[in-house]
Protein backbone atom coordinates (compact mmCIF):
# COMPACT_ATOMS: atom_id res chain seq x y z
CA UNK A 1 -108.05 29.17 -123.40
CA UNK A 2 -110.97 26.99 -124.89
CA UNK A 3 -109.94 28.07 -128.21
CA UNK A 4 -106.36 26.87 -127.61
CA UNK A 5 -107.48 23.53 -126.35
CA UNK A 6 -110.15 22.97 -129.34
CA UNK A 7 -107.31 24.13 -131.60
CA UNK A 8 -104.86 21.45 -130.11
CA UNK A 9 -107.54 18.76 -130.15
CA UNK A 10 -108.23 19.40 -133.80
CA UNK A 11 -104.34 19.28 -134.60
CA UNK A 12 -104.11 16.03 -132.66
CA UNK A 13 -106.89 14.57 -134.39
CA UNK A 14 -105.28 15.52 -137.81
CA UNK A 15 -101.92 13.84 -136.45
CA UNK A 16 -103.85 10.75 -135.41
CA UNK A 17 -105.42 10.53 -138.85
CA UNK A 18 -102.28 10.94 -140.63
CA UNK A 19 -100.67 8.48 -138.30
CA UNK A 20 -103.06 5.88 -138.98
CA UNK A 21 -101.02 4.73 -141.92
CA UNK A 22 -98.87 3.25 -139.34
CA UNK A 23 -101.28 0.79 -138.33
CA UNK A 24 -99.58 -1.95 -140.33
CA UNK A 25 -96.34 -1.39 -138.11
CA UNK A 26 -98.14 -0.34 -134.99
CA UNK A 27 -97.14 -2.35 -131.89
CA UNK A 28 -99.75 -3.81 -129.47
CA UNK A 29 -99.94 -2.13 -126.12
CA UNK A 30 -100.59 -3.99 -122.64
CA UNK A 31 -104.32 -2.91 -122.07
CA UNK A 32 -103.51 -3.29 -118.23
CA UNK A 33 -101.26 -0.36 -118.36
CA UNK A 34 -103.89 2.03 -119.88
CA UNK A 35 -106.88 0.68 -117.90
CA UNK A 36 -104.92 1.45 -114.70
CA UNK A 37 -104.63 5.16 -115.48
CA UNK A 38 -107.43 7.17 -113.67
CA UNK A 39 -107.94 9.39 -116.70
CA UNK A 40 -108.76 6.63 -119.14
CA UNK A 41 -110.38 4.42 -116.77
CA UNK A 42 -113.24 7.15 -116.10
CA UNK A 43 -114.06 7.24 -119.78
CA UNK A 44 -113.75 3.59 -121.01
CA UNK A 45 -112.29 0.10 -120.35
CA UNK A 46 -109.77 -0.54 -123.08
CA UNK A 47 -109.97 -3.97 -124.78
CA UNK A 48 -107.54 -3.51 -127.57
CA UNK A 49 -104.78 -0.99 -128.16
CA UNK A 50 -102.13 -0.14 -130.79
CA UNK A 51 -99.01 2.21 -130.42
CA UNK A 52 -98.97 4.68 -133.33
CA UNK A 53 -96.09 6.65 -132.26
CA UNK A 54 -97.53 9.86 -130.73
CA UNK A 55 -100.64 8.46 -129.75
CA UNK A 56 -102.64 5.16 -129.04
CA UNK A 57 -105.39 3.90 -131.02
CA UNK A 58 -107.72 2.13 -128.87
CA UNK A 59 -111.00 0.20 -128.79
CA UNK A 60 -113.02 -0.44 -125.60
CA UNK A 61 -116.35 -0.24 -123.83
CA UNK A 62 -117.52 3.29 -122.74
CA UNK A 63 -118.45 3.53 -119.06
CA UNK A 64 -121.48 5.60 -119.76
CA UNK A 65 -123.46 3.73 -122.42
CA UNK A 66 -121.52 0.34 -122.28
CA UNK A 67 -121.09 0.35 -125.83
CA UNK A 68 -118.03 -0.44 -127.94
CA UNK A 69 -116.08 2.80 -128.93
CA UNK A 70 -112.80 3.74 -131.03
CA UNK A 71 -110.68 6.39 -129.71
CA UNK A 72 -107.33 7.94 -130.04
CA UNK A 73 -105.63 8.84 -126.89
CA UNK A 74 -102.37 11.07 -126.68
CA UNK A 75 -99.35 9.62 -125.09
CA UNK A 76 -99.43 12.46 -122.11
CA UNK A 77 -103.05 11.27 -121.29
CA UNK A 78 -104.45 14.63 -121.62
CA UNK A 79 -106.65 14.31 -124.50
CA UNK A 80 -108.96 11.40 -125.88
CA UNK A 81 -110.52 11.72 -129.23
CA UNK A 82 -113.67 9.59 -129.73
CA UNK A 83 -114.60 7.98 -133.15
CA UNK A 84 -113.09 5.82 -135.82
CA UNK A 85 -109.74 6.57 -137.44
CA UNK A 86 -109.45 6.97 -141.06
CA UNK A 87 -106.35 7.03 -143.46
CA UNK A 88 -106.14 10.30 -145.40
CA UNK A 89 -104.79 8.99 -148.53
CA UNK A 90 -107.53 6.11 -149.12
CA UNK A 91 -110.39 7.76 -146.92
CA UNK A 92 -110.50 4.09 -145.40
CA UNK A 93 -111.26 3.37 -141.76
CA UNK A 94 -108.56 1.93 -140.04
CA UNK A 95 -109.21 -1.09 -137.85
CA UNK A 96 -106.96 -2.66 -134.97
CA UNK A 97 -105.98 -5.91 -136.04
CA UNK A 98 -107.81 -8.80 -134.38
CA UNK A 99 -106.75 -12.58 -134.19
CA UNK A 100 -109.87 -13.94 -134.67
CA UNK A 101 -108.46 -17.46 -134.02
CA UNK A 102 -108.71 -16.41 -130.43
CA UNK A 103 -112.48 -16.65 -130.55
CA UNK A 104 -113.00 -19.99 -132.27
CA UNK A 105 -113.22 -21.88 -128.87
CA UNK A 106 -116.45 -19.75 -128.34
CA UNK A 107 -118.02 -20.30 -131.72
CA UNK A 108 -121.74 -21.96 -131.80
CA UNK A 109 -120.83 -24.30 -134.60
CA UNK A 110 -119.14 -24.29 -138.06
CA UNK A 111 -120.36 -24.65 -141.70
CA UNK A 112 -118.27 -25.76 -144.83
CA UNK A 113 -114.69 -27.10 -145.01
CA UNK A 114 -113.27 -24.71 -147.48
CA UNK A 115 -109.83 -23.03 -147.13
CA UNK A 116 -111.19 -19.49 -146.64
CA UNK A 117 -112.31 -18.80 -143.24
CA UNK A 118 -114.80 -16.06 -141.94
CA UNK A 119 -116.50 -15.32 -138.74
CA UNK A 120 -120.33 -14.78 -138.92
CA UNK A 121 -122.55 -13.07 -136.35
CA UNK A 122 -125.92 -13.99 -137.18
CA UNK A 123 -129.69 -13.67 -135.95
CA UNK A 124 -131.98 -16.41 -136.67
CA UNK A 125 -135.16 -14.12 -137.00
CA UNK A 126 -133.15 -11.38 -139.02
CA UNK A 127 -134.60 -11.39 -142.85
CA UNK A 128 -130.94 -10.22 -144.05
CA UNK A 129 -129.50 -13.19 -142.42
CA UNK A 130 -132.17 -15.42 -143.90
CA UNK A 131 -130.90 -14.33 -147.38
CA UNK A 132 -127.37 -14.94 -146.49
CA UNK A 133 -128.23 -18.26 -145.18
CA UNK A 134 -129.78 -19.15 -148.75
CA UNK A 135 -126.28 -18.35 -150.15
CA UNK A 136 -124.03 -20.58 -147.81
CA UNK A 137 -124.89 -23.85 -149.55
CA UNK A 138 -123.38 -22.26 -152.92
CA UNK A 139 -120.19 -21.30 -151.24
CA UNK A 140 -119.63 -23.65 -148.53
CA UNK A 141 -117.16 -25.77 -150.54
CA UNK A 142 -114.80 -22.68 -150.71
CA UNK A 143 -115.32 -21.34 -147.17
CA UNK A 144 -115.37 -22.45 -143.51
CA UNK A 145 -117.70 -20.31 -141.49
CA UNK A 146 -117.32 -19.86 -137.70
CA UNK A 147 -120.87 -19.08 -136.53
CA UNK A 148 -121.91 -16.96 -133.50
CA UNK A 149 -125.51 -16.36 -132.62
CA UNK A 150 -126.35 -12.82 -131.72
CA UNK A 151 -130.17 -12.32 -131.57
CA UNK A 152 -131.24 -8.81 -131.67
CA UNK A 153 -133.39 -7.41 -128.88
CA UNK A 154 -136.30 -6.16 -131.23
CA UNK A 155 -136.68 -9.54 -132.91
CA UNK A 156 -139.22 -11.10 -130.62
CA UNK A 157 -138.26 -14.74 -130.98
CA UNK A 158 -134.76 -14.39 -132.00
CA UNK A 159 -133.24 -15.55 -128.35
CA UNK A 160 -135.60 -18.57 -128.02
CA UNK A 161 -134.55 -19.55 -131.68
CA UNK A 162 -130.92 -19.16 -130.69
CA UNK A 163 -131.11 -21.05 -127.53
CA UNK A 164 -133.17 -24.13 -129.40
CA UNK A 165 -130.25 -23.87 -131.99
CA UNK A 166 -127.60 -24.17 -129.12
CA UNK A 167 -129.51 -26.75 -127.29
CA UNK A 168 -128.82 -29.27 -129.99
CA UNK A 169 -125.37 -31.17 -130.29
CA UNK A 170 -122.90 -29.13 -131.97
CA UNK A 171 -122.64 -31.10 -135.16
CA UNK A 172 -126.72 -30.66 -135.57
CA UNK A 173 -126.70 -26.86 -134.86
CA UNK A 174 -126.15 -25.83 -138.54
CA UNK A 175 -128.96 -27.97 -139.73
CA UNK A 176 -131.28 -26.80 -136.65
CA UNK A 177 -130.64 -23.09 -137.90
CA UNK A 178 -131.37 -23.99 -141.52
CA UNK A 179 -134.67 -25.65 -140.42
CA UNK A 180 -135.69 -22.47 -138.43
CA UNK A 181 -134.46 -19.87 -141.08
CA UNK A 182 -135.24 -21.56 -144.40
CA UNK A 183 -137.97 -24.12 -143.62
CA UNK A 184 -139.82 -21.94 -141.14
CA UNK A 185 -139.77 -24.41 -138.16
CA UNK A 186 -141.35 -23.53 -135.03
CA UNK A 187 -139.68 -26.22 -132.81
CA UNK A 188 -138.15 -23.54 -130.61
CA UNK A 189 -141.65 -22.61 -129.23
CA UNK A 190 -142.40 -23.64 -125.59
CA UNK A 191 -138.84 -25.33 -125.35
CA UNK A 192 -137.15 -25.66 -122.11
CA UNK A 193 -133.58 -24.66 -122.41
CA UNK A 194 -130.53 -25.80 -120.37
CA UNK A 195 -127.95 -23.62 -118.60
CA UNK A 196 -125.37 -24.91 -121.02
CA UNK A 197 -127.15 -23.38 -124.02
CA UNK A 198 -127.67 -19.96 -122.10
CA UNK A 199 -123.93 -19.93 -121.32
CA UNK A 200 -123.01 -20.42 -125.05
CA UNK A 201 -125.27 -17.82 -126.00
CA UNK A 202 -124.00 -15.40 -123.61
CA UNK A 203 -120.43 -16.16 -124.47
CA UNK A 204 -121.39 -15.48 -128.25
CA UNK A 205 -122.92 -12.22 -127.40
CA UNK A 206 -119.90 -11.16 -125.40
CA UNK A 207 -117.70 -11.74 -128.20
CA UNK A 208 -120.04 -9.91 -130.47
CA UNK A 209 -119.92 -6.82 -128.15
CA UNK A 210 -116.34 -6.98 -127.63
CA UNK A 211 -115.89 -6.68 -131.43
CA UNK A 212 -118.38 -3.90 -131.80
CA UNK A 213 -121.15 -5.94 -133.57
CA UNK A 214 -124.37 -3.86 -133.76
CA UNK A 215 -126.24 -5.67 -136.52
CA UNK A 216 -126.59 -8.95 -138.42
CA UNK A 217 -125.18 -10.42 -140.36
CA UNK A 218 -121.77 -9.30 -139.64
CA UNK A 219 -118.71 -11.13 -141.07
CA UNK A 220 -114.80 -10.78 -140.40
CA UNK A 221 -112.05 -12.35 -142.02
CA UNK A 222 -109.29 -14.14 -140.09
CA UNK A 223 -107.54 -10.69 -139.29
CA UNK A 224 -110.71 -8.99 -137.94
CA UNK A 225 -111.58 -6.92 -140.93
CA UNK A 226 -115.33 -6.71 -141.55
CA UNK A 227 -116.39 -8.26 -144.66
CA UNK A 228 -119.77 -7.60 -146.74
CA UNK A 229 -121.64 -10.82 -147.40
CA UNK A 230 -122.61 -9.67 -150.87
CA UNK A 231 -118.95 -9.33 -151.53
CA UNK A 232 -118.70 -13.14 -151.03
CA UNK A 233 -121.43 -13.62 -153.82
CA UNK A 234 -119.29 -11.62 -156.23
CA UNK A 235 -115.95 -13.30 -155.26
CA UNK A 236 -117.28 -16.91 -155.57
CA UNK A 237 -119.60 -16.06 -158.57
CA UNK A 238 -122.95 -16.95 -156.95
CA UNK A 239 -126.15 -16.25 -159.02
CA UNK A 240 -129.05 -15.49 -156.62
CA UNK A 241 -132.48 -15.39 -157.35
CA UNK A 242 -133.80 -12.03 -158.44
CA UNK A 243 -135.86 -9.66 -156.03
CA UNK A 244 -139.50 -10.02 -157.39
CA UNK A 245 -139.86 -6.27 -156.65
CA UNK A 246 -137.40 -5.60 -159.38
CA UNK A 247 -139.36 -7.71 -161.77
CA UNK A 248 -142.70 -5.85 -160.88
CA UNK A 249 -140.76 -2.48 -161.24
CA UNK A 250 -139.43 -3.39 -164.89
CA UNK A 251 -142.96 -4.43 -165.90
CA UNK A 252 -144.72 -1.28 -164.50
CA UNK A 253 -142.17 0.91 -166.24
CA UNK A 254 -142.44 -1.18 -169.41
CA UNK A 255 -138.63 -1.55 -169.64
CA UNK A 256 -138.28 -5.07 -170.98
CA UNK A 257 -138.53 -5.78 -174.68
CA UNK A 258 -141.40 -8.06 -174.92
CA UNK A 259 -141.00 -10.80 -177.61
CA UNK A 260 -144.37 -12.78 -177.14
CA UNK A 261 -147.72 -12.33 -175.40
CA UNK A 262 -149.99 -15.15 -176.12
CA UNK A 263 -148.62 -17.59 -173.54
CA UNK A 264 -149.64 -18.24 -169.88
CA UNK A 265 -146.47 -17.76 -168.05
CA UNK A 266 -143.81 -14.94 -168.29
CA UNK A 267 -139.91 -15.30 -168.24
CA UNK A 268 -137.49 -12.48 -168.02
CA UNK A 269 -134.04 -13.05 -169.80
CA UNK A 270 -131.22 -10.52 -168.57
CA UNK A 271 -128.75 -10.45 -171.24
CA UNK A 272 -125.49 -8.73 -171.82
CA UNK A 273 -125.72 -7.56 -175.56
CA UNK A 274 -122.48 -9.28 -176.38
CA UNK A 275 -123.97 -12.81 -175.56
CA UNK A 276 -127.02 -11.95 -177.63
CA UNK A 277 -125.90 -13.73 -180.93
CA UNK A 278 -124.62 -16.76 -179.01
CA UNK A 279 -127.79 -16.90 -177.22
CA UNK A 280 -129.88 -16.70 -180.34
CA UNK A 281 -127.57 -19.12 -182.25
CA UNK A 282 -127.97 -21.73 -179.50
CA UNK A 283 -131.88 -21.64 -180.08
CA UNK A 284 -131.93 -20.10 -176.43
CA UNK A 285 -134.74 -17.76 -177.27
CA UNK A 286 -136.55 -20.06 -179.71
CA UNK A 287 -137.03 -22.76 -177.38
CA UNK A 288 -138.46 -20.51 -174.59
CA UNK A 289 -140.81 -18.56 -177.24
CA UNK A 290 -142.54 -21.93 -177.76
CA UNK A 291 -144.08 -22.10 -174.14
CA UNK A 292 -143.37 -18.71 -172.55
CA UNK A 293 -143.91 -14.97 -173.03
CA UNK A 294 -140.45 -13.95 -173.06
CA UNK A 295 -139.33 -10.48 -171.97
CA UNK A 296 -135.88 -9.39 -172.71
CA UNK A 297 -133.94 -7.17 -170.27
CA UNK A 298 -131.08 -6.03 -172.42
CA UNK A 299 -127.95 -4.12 -170.90
CA UNK A 300 -124.46 -2.89 -171.89
CA UNK A 301 -121.46 -3.92 -169.67
CA UNK A 302 -119.40 -0.99 -171.15
CA UNK A 303 -119.77 2.31 -172.62
CA UNK A 304 -119.06 0.99 -176.17
CA UNK A 305 -122.10 -1.38 -176.29
CA UNK A 306 -124.45 1.40 -175.06
CA UNK A 307 -125.31 2.62 -178.70
CA UNK A 308 -125.77 -0.94 -179.75
CA UNK A 309 -128.12 -1.57 -176.74
CA UNK A 310 -130.31 1.45 -177.79
CA UNK A 311 -130.43 0.20 -181.50
CA UNK A 312 -131.89 -3.06 -180.14
CA UNK A 313 -134.42 -1.24 -178.21
CA UNK A 314 -135.55 0.82 -181.07
CA UNK A 315 -135.79 -1.84 -183.46
CA UNK A 316 -139.09 -3.27 -184.64
CA UNK A 317 -137.43 -6.57 -184.99
CA UNK A 318 -135.30 -6.88 -181.65
CA UNK A 319 -133.89 -10.35 -182.22
CA UNK A 320 -132.62 -9.54 -185.58
CA UNK A 321 -131.08 -6.30 -184.37
CA UNK A 322 -129.71 -8.15 -181.53
CA UNK A 323 -128.03 -10.84 -183.69
CA UNK A 324 -126.63 -7.89 -185.96
CA UNK A 325 -125.32 -5.80 -183.36
CA UNK A 326 -124.15 -8.26 -180.94
CA UNK A 327 -120.27 -8.61 -181.78
CA UNK A 328 -120.32 -5.99 -184.57
CA UNK A 329 -118.40 -2.70 -184.62
CA UNK A 330 -120.34 0.32 -185.24
CA UNK A 331 -119.71 2.33 -188.56
CA UNK A 332 -119.07 6.04 -188.13
CA UNK A 333 -122.57 6.68 -189.50
CA UNK A 334 -123.99 4.56 -186.85
CA UNK A 335 -122.27 6.03 -184.10
CA UNK A 336 -123.47 9.49 -185.23
CA UNK A 337 -127.00 8.04 -185.24
CA UNK A 338 -126.55 6.73 -181.84
CA UNK A 339 -125.96 10.32 -180.45
CA UNK A 340 -129.42 11.31 -181.70
CA UNK A 341 -130.80 8.22 -179.86
CA UNK A 342 -129.36 9.45 -176.76
CA UNK A 343 -131.65 12.60 -176.90
CA UNK A 344 -134.66 10.32 -177.05
CA UNK A 345 -135.56 10.59 -173.42
CA UNK A 346 -138.06 7.49 -173.40
CA UNK A 347 -135.51 5.33 -175.12
CA UNK A 348 -132.67 6.38 -172.95
CA UNK A 349 -134.54 5.83 -169.72
CA UNK A 350 -135.46 2.24 -170.75
CA UNK A 351 -131.79 1.27 -171.52
CA UNK A 352 -130.30 3.21 -168.44
CA UNK A 353 -132.99 1.53 -166.18
CA UNK A 354 -132.03 -1.95 -167.52
CA UNK A 355 -128.56 -1.09 -166.74
CA UNK A 356 -129.10 0.15 -163.21
CA UNK A 357 -131.31 -2.61 -162.16
CA UNK A 358 -129.13 -5.29 -163.63
CA UNK A 359 -126.17 -3.89 -161.54
CA UNK A 360 -128.14 -3.62 -158.44
CA UNK A 361 -129.18 -7.30 -158.90
CA UNK A 362 -125.58 -8.42 -158.80
CA UNK A 363 -125.89 -10.57 -162.11
CA UNK A 364 -122.85 -12.81 -162.22
CA UNK A 365 -123.35 -14.22 -165.58
CA UNK A 366 -125.72 -13.91 -168.46
CA UNK A 367 -128.06 -15.13 -169.85
CA UNK A 368 -129.78 -15.20 -166.66
CA UNK A 369 -133.62 -16.59 -167.08
CA UNK A 370 -136.05 -16.11 -164.08
CA UNK A 371 -139.86 -16.40 -163.68
CA UNK A 372 -142.15 -13.65 -162.68
CA UNK A 373 -141.38 -14.20 -159.05
CA UNK A 374 -137.67 -13.83 -159.76
CA UNK A 375 -136.73 -17.59 -159.33
CA UNK A 376 -133.95 -18.84 -161.52
CA UNK A 377 -135.47 -20.78 -164.42
CA UNK A 378 -134.05 -24.10 -165.35
CA UNK A 379 -135.13 -25.79 -168.45
């Protein structure tokens, strides 16, 4: 009997997964009907539901742990399958559509006046949120952020920080958050907060729990789809400072091409090989060499440029080689020679490490010049 039930549940799970592609045409279900069913109410309180034909896809709060869960419930109310739903063809998780406009009246404040709208759940003490806060000034002309505060329990000062921000007039809250997160203000210490600030914070946290937010920063678009904040950097072509740990790693592994050694300060130039000739002709490197130790981190953006990059790394005169190979097609003989270079483990490691680090740093445009602390260098 148990085997039959397990088999049936497995089949139902597969049916639910295959039916997930119907999400686009799924009809919303009145959650009161589902919550009135004793079978369902024992397990969870449904907050959103969609009819997928043979099953319901639901989202709600579990009765045991009081956390947000996803589930599929069969129409005969005999089986509930916990967990997210995935579309088999794309292997992407299917989310119940959410009208985020519904939550705007509960937002803490807004930032920006752009046409693209996003809903942000942030924690003033979260280091990742702090990194995101640094991006906001560079993209707010494109975006309008609806901000909700969601202090995480393991951040000691996050709640007091949030209450201090919410204590301010609504049009001053964005600046108060920036003052704490970027400038390191401690004005929140010892502050006496009003009930109004507490009510706003509790409202923000209820919205977060209803949506299933469990970390920060968490972003949603207007349709309730989760968005990575890093994807916004790419979308709006924002170049961030480089992680100084990446610079130290490159130095330790002796990856960059060092063009000078006798100056007091170091600069690192991340450069796509195709931009090399243009950079040299504009006297970019020559100007830098007069004042700084220039370290070139050269990388190819496609497979065709990999052999060229290796020739430059191998050369005794890298600037001359860079000028030569930047926009030149390789001859048959050069292509054969590049195959031998690929077998050189030390050389291959330098080139592939440059490529790997450059990709991880989300370099938007080259040349990118930074100092030894990873700060973008402006001449």
